[in-house]
Amino acid sequence: SVANVAKCTVCVADRDQIVAAAGPGKKNYSGKDIHKELKQCIDDRANLLSTNQKGTQCKIVEGGGKETNQAIGSIVSEGDAIGAVILLSDDEKKNFGEFEEKMALCGANFLGRQMES
């Protein structure tokens, strides 16, 4: 649903790999091991926003490049950082902003609460 609304690639990662992906480019991410930079973002419980490669970015998967736009929300459950919700786009005409950032954070918060139940 988020991929359709935001018109971008949406990934859900645990601490090891991308466990789900939707939207354009999902084949480039689904099931792949996450990059050590993303692992560090999860460990730091970071929430990142980058548009047109401005702002803090991190590599998402091993062997992958840096995307033009990224919004990352860390999933925290019972005080532990367990993964991330990631919105991505290679479209240079699209600028990520507050909407995409909030979508990543809402998705991460929702999944974190679901894991506690």
N, C-alpha and C. Protein backbone atom coordinates (compact mmCIF):
# COMPACT_ATOMS: atom_id res chain seq x y z
N SER A 1 0.82 -1.21 0.00
CA SER A 1 0.00 0.00 0.00
C SER A 1 0.86 1.26 0.00
N VAL A 2 1.92 1.26 0.82
CA VAL A 2 2.79 2.43 0.89
C VAL A 2 3.46 2.68 -0.45
N ALA A 3 3.90 1.62 -1.12
CA ALA A 3 4.56 1.77 -2.42
C ALA A 3 3.62 2.39 -3.44
N ASN A 4 2.34 2.02 -3.40
CA ASN A 4 1.37 2.59 -4.34
C ASN A 4 1.10 4.05 -4.05
N VAL A 5 0.96 4.40 -2.78
CA VAL A 5 0.66 5.78 -2.40
C VAL A 5 1.86 6.69 -2.65
N ALA A 6 3.03 6.26 -2.22
CA ALA A 6 4.24 7.10 -2.33
C ALA A 6 4.89 7.01 -3.71
N LYS A 7 4.48 6.05 -4.53
CA LYS A 7 5.04 5.85 -5.87
C LYS A 7 6.56 5.71 -5.83
N CYS A 8 7.01 4.77 -4.98
CA CYS A 8 8.44 4.50 -4.85
C CYS A 8 8.61 3.05 -4.39
N THR A 9 9.85 2.61 -4.29
CA THR A 9 10.15 1.28 -3.79
C THR A 9 10.14 1.33 -2.26
N VAL A 10 9.49 0.35 -1.65
CA VAL A 10 9.44 0.27 -0.19
C VAL A 10 10.00 -1.08 0.22
N CYS A 11 10.94 -1.06 1.16
CA CYS A 11 11.56 -2.29 1.66
C CYS A 11 11.41 -2.36 3.17
N VAL A 12 11.30 -3.59 3.67
CA VAL A 12 11.34 -3.84 5.10
C VAL A 12 12.53 -4.76 5.33
N ALA A 13 13.40 -4.35 6.24
CA ALA A 13 14.61 -5.12 6.52
C ALA A 13 14.64 -5.54 7.97
N ASP A 14 15.20 -6.73 8.21
CA ASP A 14 15.55 -7.09 9.58
C ASP A 14 17.04 -6.77 9.72
N ARG A 15 17.71 -7.33 10.67
CA ARG A 15 19.11 -6.98 10.90
C ARG A 15 20.07 -7.67 9.92
N ASP A 16 19.52 -8.54 9.05
CA ASP A 16 20.37 -9.30 8.14
C ASP A 16 20.06 -9.10 6.66
N GLN A 17 18.78 -8.99 6.32
CA GLN A 17 18.41 -8.93 4.91
C GLN A 17 17.11 -8.18 4.70
N ILE A 18 16.82 -7.91 3.43
CA ILE A 18 15.54 -7.31 3.06
C ILE A 18 14.52 -8.44 3.08
N VAL A 19 13.53 -8.33 3.95
CA VAL A 19 12.54 -9.41 4.09
C VAL A 19 11.31 -9.19 3.21
N ALA A 20 11.06 -7.95 2.79
CA ALA A 20 9.93 -7.66 1.91
C ALA A 20 10.24 -6.42 1.09
N ALA A 21 9.77 -6.41 -0.15
CA ALA A 21 9.96 -5.24 -1.01
C ALA A 21 8.75 -5.12 -1.93
N ALA A 22 8.37 -3.88 -2.22
CA ALA A 22 7.23 -3.63 -3.10
C ALA A 22 7.52 -2.39 -3.94
N GLY A 23 6.84 -2.29 -5.06
CA GLY A 23 7.00 -1.14 -5.93
C GLY A 23 8.05 -1.36 -7.00
N PRO A 24 8.31 -0.30 -7.78
CA PRO A 24 9.31 -0.44 -8.86
C PRO A 24 10.69 -0.73 -8.28
N GLY A 25 11.39 -1.64 -8.87
CA GLY A 25 12.73 -1.97 -8.40
C GLY A 25 12.77 -2.97 -7.27
N LYS A 26 11.64 -3.58 -6.93
CA LYS A 26 11.62 -4.51 -5.80
C LYS A 26 12.54 -5.71 -6.02
N LYS A 27 12.73 -6.09 -7.27
CA LYS A 27 13.59 -7.24 -7.58
C LYS A 27 15.05 -6.96 -7.24
N ASN A 28 15.43 -5.68 -7.20
CA ASN A 28 16.81 -5.32 -6.88
C ASN A 28 17.11 -5.43 -5.39
N TYR A 29 16.07 -5.62 -4.57
CA TYR A 29 16.26 -5.60 -3.12
C TYR A 29 15.77 -6.85 -2.40
N SER A 30 14.68 -7.42 -2.85
CA SER A 30 14.03 -8.52 -2.14
C SER A 30 14.98 -9.70 -1.89
N GLY A 31 15.10 -10.06 -0.61
CA GLY A 31 15.91 -11.21 -0.22
C GLY A 31 17.40 -10.97 -0.15
N LYS A 32 17.87 -9.78 -0.47
CA LYS A 32 19.31 -9.50 -0.47
C LYS A 32 19.81 -9.13 0.93
N ASP A 33 21.07 -9.43 1.18
CA ASP A 33 21.71 -9.05 2.45
C ASP A 33 21.85 -7.55 2.52
N ILE A 34 21.62 -6.99 3.71
CA ILE A 34 21.75 -5.55 3.86
C ILE A 34 23.22 -5.16 4.01
N HIS A 35 23.53 -3.95 3.60
CA HIS A 35 24.88 -3.40 3.66
C HIS A 35 25.23 -3.04 5.11
N LYS A 36 26.51 -3.05 5.43
CA LYS A 36 26.94 -2.72 6.79
C LYS A 36 26.55 -1.30 7.19
N GLU A 37 26.43 -0.38 6.21
CA GLU A 37 25.99 0.98 6.53
C GLU A 37 24.55 0.98 7.04
N LEU A 38 23.68 0.17 6.43
CA LEU A 38 22.30 0.07 6.91
C LEU A 38 22.25 -0.60 8.27
N LYS A 39 23.09 -1.62 8.47
CA LYS A 39 23.16 -2.26 9.79
C LYS A 39 23.52 -1.24 10.86
N GLN A 40 24.45 -0.35 10.53
CA GLN A 40 24.86 0.68 11.48
C GLN A 40 23.72 1.66 11.74
N CYS A 41 22.98 2.02 10.70
CA CYS A 41 21.81 2.90 10.88
C CYS A 41 20.79 2.27 11.82
N ILE A 42 20.56 0.97 11.65
CA ILE A 42 19.62 0.26 12.52
C ILE A 42 20.15 0.24 13.95
N ASP A 43 21.44 -0.09 14.11
CA ASP A 43 22.04 -0.10 15.46
C ASP A 43 21.93 1.25 16.14
N ASP A 44 22.10 2.32 15.36
CA ASP A 44 22.03 3.69 15.90
C ASP A 44 20.59 4.18 16.05
N ARG A 45 19.63 3.36 15.61
CA ARG A 45 18.20 3.74 15.63
C ARG A 45 17.97 5.04 14.86
N ALA A 46 18.68 5.16 13.76
CA ALA A 46 18.64 6.38 12.97
C ALA A 46 17.39 6.43 12.09
N ASN A 47 16.88 7.63 11.91
CA ASN A 47 15.82 7.91 10.96
C ASN A 47 16.41 8.94 9.99
N LEU A 48 16.54 8.55 8.72
CA LEU A 48 17.24 9.38 7.75
C LEU A 48 16.33 9.82 6.61
N LEU A 49 16.63 11.00 6.08
CA LEU A 49 15.96 11.50 4.88
C LEU A 49 17.01 12.11 3.98
N SER A 50 17.02 11.68 2.73
CA SER A 50 17.94 12.22 1.74
C SER A 50 17.18 12.40 0.44
N THR A 51 17.30 13.57 -0.15
CA THR A 51 16.66 13.83 -1.43
C THR A 51 17.68 14.38 -2.42
N ASN A 52 17.65 13.84 -3.63
CA ASN A 52 18.64 14.18 -4.65
C ASN A 52 20.07 14.11 -4.11
N GLN A 53 20.30 13.05 -3.34
CA GLN A 53 21.59 12.73 -2.74
C GLN A 53 22.10 13.83 -1.81
N LYS A 54 21.19 14.65 -1.28
CA LYS A 54 21.55 15.65 -0.27
C LYS A 54 20.99 15.18 1.05
N GLY A 55 21.80 15.22 2.07
CA GLY A 55 21.42 14.68 3.37
C GLY A 55 22.17 13.39 3.60
N THR A 56 21.98 12.82 4.76
CA THR A 56 22.68 11.58 5.11
C THR A 56 22.09 10.41 4.35
N GLN A 57 22.94 9.67 3.67
CA GLN A 57 22.54 8.47 2.94
C GLN A 57 23.32 7.28 3.44
N CYS A 58 22.76 6.11 3.26
CA CYS A 58 23.53 4.90 3.52
C CYS A 58 23.21 3.88 2.43
N LYS A 59 24.16 3.01 2.15
CA LYS A 59 23.94 1.95 1.17
C LYS A 59 22.96 0.96 1.78
N ILE A 60 22.06 0.45 0.95
CA ILE A 60 20.99 -0.41 1.43
C ILE A 60 21.37 -1.89 1.37
N VAL A 61 21.82 -2.35 0.20
CA VAL A 61 22.15 -3.77 0.04
C VAL A 61 23.60 -3.92 -0.41
N GLU A 62 24.16 -5.08 -0.12
CA GLU A 62 25.51 -5.39 -0.58
C GLU A 62 25.55 -5.35 -2.09
N GLY A 63 26.52 -4.66 -2.65
CA GLY A 63 26.67 -4.58 -4.09
C GLY A 63 25.76 -3.58 -4.77
N GLY A 64 24.94 -2.87 -3.99
CA GLY A 64 24.03 -1.89 -4.57
C GLY A 64 24.64 -0.50 -4.58
N GLY A 65 24.04 0.38 -5.35
CA GLY A 65 24.50 1.76 -5.40
C GLY A 65 23.72 2.63 -4.44
N LYS A 66 24.00 3.92 -4.49
CA LYS A 66 23.24 4.85 -3.66
C LYS A 66 22.08 5.40 -4.49
N GLU A 67 20.92 5.41 -3.88
CA GLU A 67 19.72 5.88 -4.55
C GLU A 67 19.64 7.40 -4.46
N THR A 68 18.91 8.00 -5.39
CA THR A 68 18.74 9.44 -5.41
C THR A 68 18.00 9.93 -4.18
N ASN A 69 16.93 9.20 -3.81
CA ASN A 69 16.09 9.58 -2.67
C ASN A 69 15.97 8.40 -1.70
N GLN A 70 16.10 8.69 -0.40
CA GLN A 70 15.95 7.67 0.63
C GLN A 70 15.21 8.25 1.83
N ALA A 71 14.35 7.44 2.42
CA ALA A 71 13.76 7.74 3.72
C ALA A 71 13.83 6.44 4.51
N ILE A 72 14.46 6.48 5.67
CA ILE A 72 14.67 5.28 6.48
C ILE A 72 14.12 5.52 7.87
N GLY A 73 13.30 4.59 8.34
CA GLY A 73 12.78 4.61 9.70
C GLY A 73 13.17 3.33 10.40
N SER A 74 13.83 3.43 11.52
CA SER A 74 14.26 2.25 12.28
C SER A 74 13.09 1.64 13.05
N ILE A 75 13.00 0.32 13.00
CA ILE A 75 11.97 -0.41 13.73
C ILE A 75 12.53 -0.76 15.11
N VAL A 76 11.85 -0.30 16.15
CA VAL A 76 12.26 -0.58 17.53
C VAL A 76 11.12 -1.32 18.21
N SER A 77 11.45 -2.47 18.80
CA SER A 77 10.46 -3.28 19.50
C SER A 77 11.01 -3.66 20.86
N GLU A 78 10.27 -3.35 21.91
CA GLU A 78 10.67 -3.65 23.29
C GLU A 78 12.07 -3.13 23.59
N GLY A 79 12.38 -1.97 23.05
CA GLY A 79 13.66 -1.32 23.30
C GLY A 79 14.81 -1.77 22.42
N ASP A 80 14.58 -2.76 21.57
CA ASP A 80 15.64 -3.27 20.69
C ASP A 80 15.40 -2.82 19.25
N ALA A 81 16.47 -2.39 18.58
CA ALA A 81 16.40 -2.05 17.16
C ALA A 81 16.43 -3.35 16.38
N ILE A 82 15.34 -3.64 15.64
CA ILE A 82 15.23 -4.94 14.98
C ILE A 82 15.20 -4.86 13.46
N GLY A 83 15.15 -3.65 12.90
CA GLY A 83 15.10 -3.54 11.45
C GLY A 83 14.80 -2.14 11.00
N ALA A 84 14.33 -2.01 9.75
CA ALA A 84 14.06 -0.69 9.19
C ALA A 84 13.01 -0.77 8.09
N VAL A 85 12.27 0.32 7.94
CA VAL A 85 11.40 0.52 6.78
C VAL A 85 12.10 1.54 5.90
N ILE A 86 12.24 1.23 4.61
CA ILE A 86 13.04 2.04 3.71
C ILE A 86 12.22 2.41 2.48
N LEU A 87 12.13 3.69 2.18
CA LEU A 87 11.51 4.17 0.95
C LEU A 87 12.63 4.65 0.04
N LEU A 88 12.59 4.24 -1.24
CA LEU A 88 13.67 4.54 -2.18
C LEU A 88 13.12 4.99 -3.52
N SER A 89 13.86 5.85 -4.18
CA SER A 89 13.52 6.26 -5.53
C SER A 89 14.78 6.70 -6.27
N ASP A 90 14.86 6.31 -7.55
CA ASP A 90 15.95 6.76 -8.41
C ASP A 90 15.53 7.93 -9.29
N ASP A 91 14.29 8.36 -9.15
CA ASP A 91 13.74 9.44 -9.98
C ASP A 91 14.29 10.78 -9.53
N GLU A 92 15.14 11.39 -10.35
CA GLU A 92 15.77 12.66 -10.00
C GLU A 92 14.75 13.82 -9.98
N LYS A 93 13.60 13.62 -10.64
CA LYS A 93 12.57 14.66 -10.65
C LYS A 93 11.73 14.64 -9.38
N LYS A 94 11.76 13.52 -8.66
CA LYS A 94 10.98 13.38 -7.44
C LYS A 94 11.87 13.76 -6.25
N ASN A 95 11.39 14.63 -5.42
CA ASN A 95 12.12 15.03 -4.22
C ASN A 95 11.39 14.49 -3.00
N PHE A 96 12.09 13.65 -2.24
CA PHE A 96 11.50 13.16 -0.99
C PHE A 96 11.44 14.30 0.01
N GLY A 97 10.42 14.28 0.81
CA GLY A 97 10.24 15.32 1.82
C GLY A 97 9.57 14.76 3.05
N GLU A 98 8.82 15.61 3.72
CA GLU A 98 8.18 15.24 4.98
C GLU A 98 7.22 14.06 4.81
N PHE A 99 6.50 14.00 3.68
CA PHE A 99 5.55 12.91 3.44
C PHE A 99 6.25 11.55 3.48
N GLU A 100 7.32 11.41 2.70
CA GLU A 100 8.04 10.13 2.64
C GLU A 100 8.71 9.81 3.97
N GLU A 101 9.24 10.84 4.63
CA GLU A 101 9.85 10.63 5.94
C GLU A 101 8.82 10.10 6.93
N LYS A 102 7.64 10.71 6.96
CA LYS A 102 6.58 10.28 7.88
C LYS A 102 6.06 8.89 7.53
N MET A 103 6.00 8.57 6.24
CA MET A 103 5.58 7.22 5.84
C MET A 103 6.54 6.16 6.37
N ALA A 104 7.84 6.42 6.27
CA ALA A 104 8.84 5.47 6.79
C ALA A 104 8.72 5.35 8.30
N LEU A 105 8.56 6.48 8.99
CA LEU A 105 8.47 6.46 10.45
C LEU A 105 7.18 5.77 10.92
N CYS A 106 6.07 6.06 10.26
CA CYS A 106 4.79 5.42 10.63
C CYS A 106 4.86 3.91 10.41
N GLY A 107 5.42 3.50 9.29
CA GLY A 107 5.58 2.07 9.02
C GLY A 107 6.46 1.40 10.05
N ALA A 108 7.56 2.05 10.40
CA ALA A 108 8.48 1.48 11.40
C ALA A 108 7.82 1.40 12.77
N ASN A 109 7.10 2.44 13.16
CA ASN A 109 6.42 2.43 14.46
C ASN A 109 5.33 1.36 14.50
N PHE A 110 4.58 1.23 13.41
CA PHE A 110 3.53 0.21 13.34
C PHE A 110 4.13 -1.19 13.49
N LEU A 111 5.18 -1.49 12.73
CA LEU A 111 5.79 -2.82 12.79
C LEU A 111 6.41 -3.08 14.16
N GLY A 112 7.01 -2.07 14.76
CA GLY A 112 7.58 -2.21 16.10
C GLY A 112 6.52 -2.59 17.12
N ARG A 113 5.35 -1.93 17.04
CA ARG A 113 4.26 -2.23 17.97
C ARG A 113 3.68 -3.62 17.70
N GLN A 114 3.60 -4.01 16.44
CA GLN A 114 3.07 -5.34 16.10
C GLN A 114 3.97 -6.44 16.65
N MET A 115 5.26 -6.23 16.64
CA MET A 115 6.19 -7.23 17.15
C MET A 115 6.09 -7.38 18.66
N GLU A 116 5.62 -6.35 19.35
CA GLU A 116 5.48 -6.41 20.81
C GLU A 116 4.24 -7.19 21.22
N SER A 117 3.27 -7.31 20.34
CA SER A 117 2.01 -7.98 20.69
C SER A 117 2.15 -9.49 20.70
